[in-house]
Amino acid sequence: MKTPRFSPRALANLARALTATVLLALLAGVAGADLAPKLPLYRVLLYSALAALALFLAVVVAAVVLSTLYQFVLRKGGTDPQWFWFSAEPPGLVQLREQAKKEAEAAEDPAR
């Protein structure tokens, strides 16, 4: 399996998103420090930063898993992964496929 290559811009955007997530969690930790008055502020901030990091990693893992699933579906001939919610193909797709098949056959055999 190939290892994915990330552009520096993508890594920078990922780092910005992680930083923003952790900073927002720290802000929420400071605001919520009154909920645990006996707990020192540094511990509240540490717990909120760890919770934000765990949430961020869960979102990244979910995005990778769903992207892999959607790519698999498309490679195996699926129309669109979003159509899993419906019981049939999109309207008119069957006719479009038949038309494309006939055109491909006509292009292969010009005698027809």
N, C-alpha and C. Protein backbone atom coordinates (compact mmCIF):
# COMPACT_ATOMS: atom_id res chain seq x y z
N MET A 1 0.84 -1.18 0.00
CA MET A 1 0.00 0.00 0.00
C MET A 1 0.88 1.23 0.00
N LYS A 2 0.51 2.19 -0.82
CA LYS A 2 1.30 3.43 -0.88
C LYS A 2 1.06 4.27 0.36
N THR A 3 2.11 4.90 0.81
CA THR A 3 1.93 5.84 1.90
C THR A 3 1.49 7.17 1.31
N PRO A 4 0.49 7.78 1.92
CA PRO A 4 0.00 9.05 1.35
C PRO A 4 1.03 10.16 1.53
N ARG A 5 1.09 11.01 0.52
CA ARG A 5 1.97 12.18 0.61
C ARG A 5 1.12 13.40 0.89
N PHE A 6 1.53 14.16 1.85
CA PHE A 6 0.80 15.37 2.21
C PHE A 6 1.60 16.58 1.78
N SER A 7 0.92 17.52 1.22
CA SER A 7 1.59 18.75 0.83
C SER A 7 1.85 19.59 2.08
N PRO A 8 2.84 20.46 2.03
CA PRO A 8 3.09 21.33 3.19
C PRO A 8 1.88 22.18 3.54
N ARG A 9 1.13 22.57 2.53
CA ARG A 9 -0.06 23.39 2.78
C ARG A 9 -1.11 22.59 3.55
N ALA A 10 -1.30 21.32 3.19
CA ALA A 10 -2.27 20.48 3.90
C ALA A 10 -1.84 20.26 5.34
N LEU A 11 -0.56 20.04 5.54
CA LEU A 11 -0.07 19.86 6.92
C LEU A 11 -0.22 21.14 7.73
N ALA A 12 0.01 22.28 7.09
CA ALA A 12 -0.15 23.56 7.79
C ALA A 12 -1.62 23.77 8.17
N ASN A 13 -2.54 23.42 7.27
CA ASN A 13 -3.96 23.55 7.58
C ASN A 13 -4.37 22.60 8.70
N LEU A 14 -3.81 21.40 8.69
CA LEU A 14 -4.09 20.45 9.76
C LEU A 14 -3.57 20.97 11.10
N ALA A 15 -2.38 21.54 11.08
CA ALA A 15 -1.81 22.10 12.31
C ALA A 15 -2.65 23.28 12.81
N ARG A 16 -3.13 24.11 11.89
CA ARG A 16 -3.98 25.24 12.29
C ARG A 16 -5.29 24.75 12.91
N ALA A 17 -5.87 23.73 12.30
CA ALA A 17 -7.13 23.20 12.83
C ALA A 17 -6.92 22.59 14.21
N LEU A 18 -5.82 21.87 14.40
CA LEU A 18 -5.52 21.28 15.70
C LEU A 18 -5.28 22.37 16.74
N THR A 19 -4.54 23.39 16.37
CA THR A 19 -4.27 24.50 17.30
C THR A 19 -5.56 25.21 17.68
N ALA A 20 -6.42 25.47 16.71
CA ALA A 20 -7.69 26.13 17.01
C ALA A 20 -8.56 25.28 17.91
N THR A 21 -8.57 23.98 17.68
CA THR A 21 -9.37 23.09 18.51
C THR A 21 -8.87 23.08 19.95
N VAL A 22 -7.57 22.98 20.12
CA VAL A 22 -7.01 22.96 21.48
C VAL A 22 -7.23 24.31 22.17
N LEU A 23 -7.05 25.42 21.45
CA LEU A 23 -7.25 26.73 22.07
C LEU A 23 -8.71 26.94 22.47
N LEU A 24 -9.64 26.50 21.64
CA LEU A 24 -11.05 26.61 22.01
C LEU A 24 -11.37 25.74 23.22
N ALA A 25 -10.75 24.58 23.30
CA ALA A 25 -10.97 23.71 24.47
C ALA A 25 -10.39 24.34 25.72
N LEU A 26 -9.23 24.97 25.58
CA LEU A 26 -8.64 25.65 26.74
C LEU A 26 -9.52 26.81 27.20
N LEU A 27 -10.07 27.53 26.24
CA LEU A 27 -10.97 28.62 26.59
C LEU A 27 -12.21 28.09 27.30
N ALA A 28 -12.74 26.99 26.83
CA ALA A 28 -13.89 26.36 27.49
C ALA A 28 -13.48 25.85 28.87
N GLY A 29 -12.24 25.38 28.99
CA GLY A 29 -11.75 24.91 30.29
C GLY A 29 -11.65 26.04 31.30
N VAL A 30 -11.18 27.18 30.86
CA VAL A 30 -11.10 28.34 31.76
C VAL A 30 -12.50 28.77 32.18
N ALA A 31 -13.41 28.80 31.19
CA ALA A 31 -14.79 29.20 31.51
C ALA A 31 -15.47 28.16 32.40
N GLY A 32 -15.14 26.89 32.23
CA GLY A 32 -15.78 25.85 33.01
C GLY A 32 -15.03 25.47 34.27
N ALA A 33 -13.97 26.19 34.60
CA ALA A 33 -13.18 25.85 35.79
C ALA A 33 -14.00 26.00 37.08
N ASP A 34 -15.05 26.79 37.02
CA ASP A 34 -15.89 26.95 38.20
C ASP A 34 -16.71 25.70 38.50
N LEU A 35 -16.82 24.82 37.54
CA LEU A 35 -17.57 23.59 37.78
C LEU A 35 -16.83 22.63 38.71
N ALA A 36 -15.51 22.74 38.75
CA ALA A 36 -14.70 21.92 39.64
C ALA A 36 -13.78 22.84 40.44
N PRO A 37 -14.30 23.50 41.47
CA PRO A 37 -13.51 24.52 42.16
C PRO A 37 -12.31 23.96 42.93
N LYS A 38 -12.33 22.70 43.31
CA LYS A 38 -11.21 22.15 44.07
C LYS A 38 -10.08 21.66 43.18
N LEU A 39 -10.34 21.61 41.89
CA LEU A 39 -9.34 21.16 40.93
C LEU A 39 -8.51 22.37 40.48
N PRO A 40 -7.18 22.26 40.51
CA PRO A 40 -6.35 23.39 40.08
C PRO A 40 -6.60 23.72 38.60
N LEU A 41 -6.42 24.98 38.27
CA LEU A 41 -6.70 25.44 36.91
C LEU A 41 -5.84 24.72 35.89
N TYR A 42 -4.57 24.46 36.21
CA TYR A 42 -3.70 23.81 35.22
C TYR A 42 -4.21 22.41 34.89
N ARG A 43 -4.81 21.72 35.87
CA ARG A 43 -5.34 20.39 35.60
C ARG A 43 -6.60 20.46 34.74
N VAL A 44 -7.44 21.45 35.00
CA VAL A 44 -8.64 21.63 34.17
C VAL A 44 -8.22 21.91 32.73
N LEU A 45 -7.21 22.76 32.56
CA LEU A 45 -6.73 23.08 31.22
C LEU A 45 -6.10 21.86 30.55
N LEU A 46 -5.37 21.09 31.32
CA LEU A 46 -4.76 19.88 30.77
C LEU A 46 -5.83 18.88 30.32
N TYR A 47 -6.84 18.68 31.16
CA TYR A 47 -7.91 17.75 30.79
C TYR A 47 -8.68 18.24 29.57
N SER A 48 -8.94 19.53 29.51
CA SER A 48 -9.70 20.03 28.35
C SER A 48 -8.86 19.94 27.08
N ALA A 49 -7.55 20.18 27.18
CA ALA A 49 -6.69 20.04 26.00
C ALA A 49 -6.61 18.58 25.55
N LEU A 50 -6.51 17.67 26.49
CA LEU A 50 -6.49 16.24 26.13
C LEU A 50 -7.82 15.80 25.52
N ALA A 51 -8.93 16.30 26.05
CA ALA A 51 -10.24 15.96 25.48
C ALA A 51 -10.36 16.51 24.06
N ALA A 52 -9.87 17.73 23.84
CA ALA A 52 -9.92 18.31 22.50
C ALA A 52 -9.05 17.52 21.53
N LEU A 53 -7.89 17.12 21.98
CA LEU A 53 -7.00 16.32 21.13
C LEU A 53 -7.64 14.98 20.77
N ALA A 54 -8.28 14.35 21.74
CA ALA A 54 -8.95 13.08 21.47
C ALA A 54 -10.10 13.26 20.49
N LEU A 55 -10.86 14.32 20.66
CA LEU A 55 -11.97 14.60 19.75
C LEU A 55 -11.45 14.89 18.34
N PHE A 56 -10.39 15.66 18.25
CA PHE A 56 -9.80 15.99 16.95
C PHE A 56 -9.30 14.72 16.25
N LEU A 57 -8.62 13.86 16.99
CA LEU A 57 -8.14 12.61 16.39
C LEU A 57 -9.28 11.70 15.96
N ALA A 58 -10.35 11.68 16.73
CA ALA A 58 -11.51 10.87 16.35
C ALA A 58 -12.13 11.39 15.05
N VAL A 59 -12.20 12.69 14.89
CA VAL A 59 -12.75 13.26 13.66
C VAL A 59 -11.85 12.95 12.48
N VAL A 60 -10.54 13.05 12.67
CA VAL A 60 -9.60 12.76 11.58
C VAL A 60 -9.69 11.28 11.19
N VAL A 61 -9.73 10.39 12.16
CA VAL A 61 -9.84 8.95 11.87
C VAL A 61 -11.16 8.66 11.15
N ALA A 62 -12.25 9.27 11.58
CA ALA A 62 -13.54 9.06 10.92
C ALA A 62 -13.49 9.57 9.48
N ALA A 63 -12.85 10.69 9.25
CA ALA A 63 -12.74 11.23 7.89
C ALA A 63 -11.93 10.29 6.99
N VAL A 64 -10.85 9.75 7.52
CA VAL A 64 -10.02 8.83 6.73
C VAL A 64 -10.78 7.55 6.42
N VAL A 65 -11.47 7.00 7.41
CA VAL A 65 -12.22 5.76 7.20
C VAL A 65 -13.34 5.96 6.19
N LEU A 66 -14.10 7.04 6.33
CA LEU A 66 -15.19 7.29 5.39
C LEU A 66 -14.68 7.57 3.99
N SER A 67 -13.58 8.30 3.87
CA SER A 67 -13.00 8.55 2.55
C SER A 67 -12.55 7.26 1.89
N THR A 68 -11.95 6.38 2.67
CA THR A 68 -11.52 5.09 2.14
C THR A 68 -12.72 4.25 1.69
N LEU A 69 -13.77 4.24 2.48
CA LEU A 69 -14.98 3.51 2.12
C LEU A 69 -15.59 4.07 0.83
N TYR A 70 -15.69 5.38 0.74
CA TYR A 70 -16.28 5.99 -0.45
C TYR A 70 -15.44 5.72 -1.70
N GLN A 71 -14.12 5.76 -1.56
CA GLN A 71 -13.26 5.44 -2.70
C GLN A 71 -13.44 3.98 -3.12
N PHE A 72 -13.56 3.09 -2.16
CA PHE A 72 -13.78 1.67 -2.46
C PHE A 72 -15.08 1.49 -3.24
N VAL A 73 -16.14 2.14 -2.79
CA VAL A 73 -17.43 2.02 -3.45
C VAL A 73 -17.33 2.52 -4.89
N LEU A 74 -16.69 3.65 -5.09
CA LEU A 74 -16.58 4.19 -6.43
C LEU A 74 -15.72 3.31 -7.33
N ARG A 75 -14.65 2.73 -6.79
CA ARG A 75 -13.80 1.85 -7.58
C ARG A 75 -14.51 0.57 -7.98
N LYS A 76 -15.43 0.11 -7.15
CA LYS A 76 -16.16 -1.13 -7.43
C LYS A 76 -17.42 -0.90 -8.27
N GLY A 77 -17.57 0.28 -8.83
CA GLY A 77 -18.67 0.54 -9.74
C GLY A 77 -19.88 1.20 -9.12
N GLY A 78 -19.77 1.65 -7.91
CA GLY A 78 -20.89 2.34 -7.29
C GLY A 78 -21.13 3.69 -7.96
N THR A 79 -22.36 4.11 -7.92
CA THR A 79 -22.72 5.37 -8.55
C THR A 79 -22.19 6.53 -7.72
N ASP A 80 -22.59 6.56 -6.48
CA ASP A 80 -22.21 7.63 -5.58
C ASP A 80 -22.48 7.12 -4.16
N PRO A 81 -21.52 7.20 -3.26
CA PRO A 81 -21.75 6.68 -1.91
C PRO A 81 -22.94 7.33 -1.20
N GLN A 82 -23.28 8.55 -1.58
CA GLN A 82 -24.42 9.20 -0.93
C GLN A 82 -25.74 8.53 -1.30
N TRP A 83 -25.74 7.79 -2.41
CA TRP A 83 -26.97 7.11 -2.81
C TRP A 83 -27.23 5.86 -1.99
N PHE A 84 -26.39 5.51 -1.04
CA PHE A 84 -26.67 4.38 -0.15
C PHE A 84 -27.96 4.62 0.64
N TRP A 85 -28.33 5.87 0.80
CA TRP A 85 -29.52 6.19 1.58
C TRP A 85 -30.80 5.85 0.83
N PHE A 86 -30.70 5.67 -0.49
CA PHE A 86 -31.88 5.43 -1.30
C PHE A 86 -31.91 3.98 -1.77
N SER A 87 -33.09 3.51 -2.14
CA SER A 87 -33.23 2.10 -2.49
C SER A 87 -32.94 1.82 -3.96
N ALA A 88 -32.74 2.84 -4.78
CA ALA A 88 -32.52 2.60 -6.20
C ALA A 88 -31.50 3.60 -6.74
N GLU A 89 -31.18 3.41 -8.02
CA GLU A 89 -30.26 4.32 -8.70
C GLU A 89 -30.95 5.68 -8.90
N PRO A 90 -30.18 6.72 -9.15
CA PRO A 90 -30.79 8.01 -9.44
C PRO A 90 -31.68 7.93 -10.69
N PRO A 91 -32.68 8.75 -10.77
CA PRO A 91 -33.60 8.70 -11.91
C PRO A 91 -32.85 8.92 -13.23
N GLY A 92 -33.10 8.06 -14.19
CA GLY A 92 -32.51 8.21 -15.51
C GLY A 92 -31.13 7.60 -15.67
N LEU A 93 -30.52 7.13 -14.60
CA LEU A 93 -29.16 6.61 -14.70
C LEU A 93 -29.11 5.30 -15.49
N VAL A 94 -30.11 4.46 -15.30
CA VAL A 94 -30.13 3.19 -16.02
C VAL A 94 -30.17 3.44 -17.52
N GLN A 95 -30.99 4.39 -17.96
CA GLN A 95 -31.07 4.71 -19.38
C GLN A 95 -29.76 5.29 -19.88
N LEU A 96 -29.13 6.14 -19.08
CA LEU A 96 -27.84 6.71 -19.48
C LEU A 96 -26.78 5.63 -19.63
N ARG A 97 -26.78 4.65 -18.76
CA ARG A 97 -25.80 3.56 -18.85
C ARG A 97 -26.04 2.72 -20.11
N GLU A 98 -27.32 2.44 -20.40
CA GLU A 98 -27.64 1.67 -21.60
C GLU A 98 -27.23 2.43 -22.86
N GLN A 99 -27.49 3.73 -22.86
CA GLN A 99 -27.12 4.56 -24.01
C GLN A 99 -25.61 4.57 -24.19
N ALA A 100 -24.87 4.73 -23.09
CA ALA A 100 -23.40 4.75 -23.18
C ALA A 100 -22.88 3.39 -23.66
N LYS A 101 -23.52 2.31 -23.23
CA LYS A 101 -23.10 0.98 -23.67
C LYS A 101 -23.33 0.80 -25.16
N LYS A 102 -24.49 1.26 -25.65
CA LYS A 102 -24.78 1.16 -27.08
C LYS A 102 -23.80 1.99 -27.90
N GLU A 103 -23.47 3.20 -27.41
CA GLU A 103 -22.53 4.06 -28.12
C GLU A 103 -21.14 3.44 -28.15
N ALA A 104 -20.75 2.79 -27.06
CA ALA A 104 -19.44 2.14 -27.01
C ALA A 104 -19.39 0.96 -27.96
N GLU A 105 -20.49 0.20 -28.03
CA GLU A 105 -20.54 -0.93 -28.96
C GLU A 105 -20.52 -0.44 -30.41
N ALA A 106 -21.21 0.66 -30.69
CA ALA A 106 -21.23 1.21 -32.04
C ALA A 106 -19.85 1.73 -32.44
N ALA A 107 -19.13 2.28 -31.50
CA ALA A 107 -17.80 2.79 -31.79
C ALA A 107 -16.82 1.64 -32.06
N GLU A 108 -17.02 0.51 -31.39
CA GLU A 108 -16.15 -0.65 -31.61
C GLU A 108 -16.44 -1.33 -32.95
N ASP A 109 -17.71 -1.41 -33.31
CA ASP A 109 -18.10 -2.10 -34.53
C ASP A 109 -18.78 -1.11 -35.48
N PRO A 110 -18.03 -0.47 -36.37
CA PRO A 110 -18.62 0.56 -37.24
C PRO A 110 -19.56 -0.02 -38.29
N ALA A 111 -19.62 -1.35 -38.49
CA ALA A 111 -20.49 -1.95 -39.49
C ALA A 111 -21.94 -1.91 -39.06
N ARG A 112 -22.22 -1.73 -37.82
CA ARG A 112 -23.61 -1.71 -37.33
C ARG A 112 -24.31 -0.45 -37.70
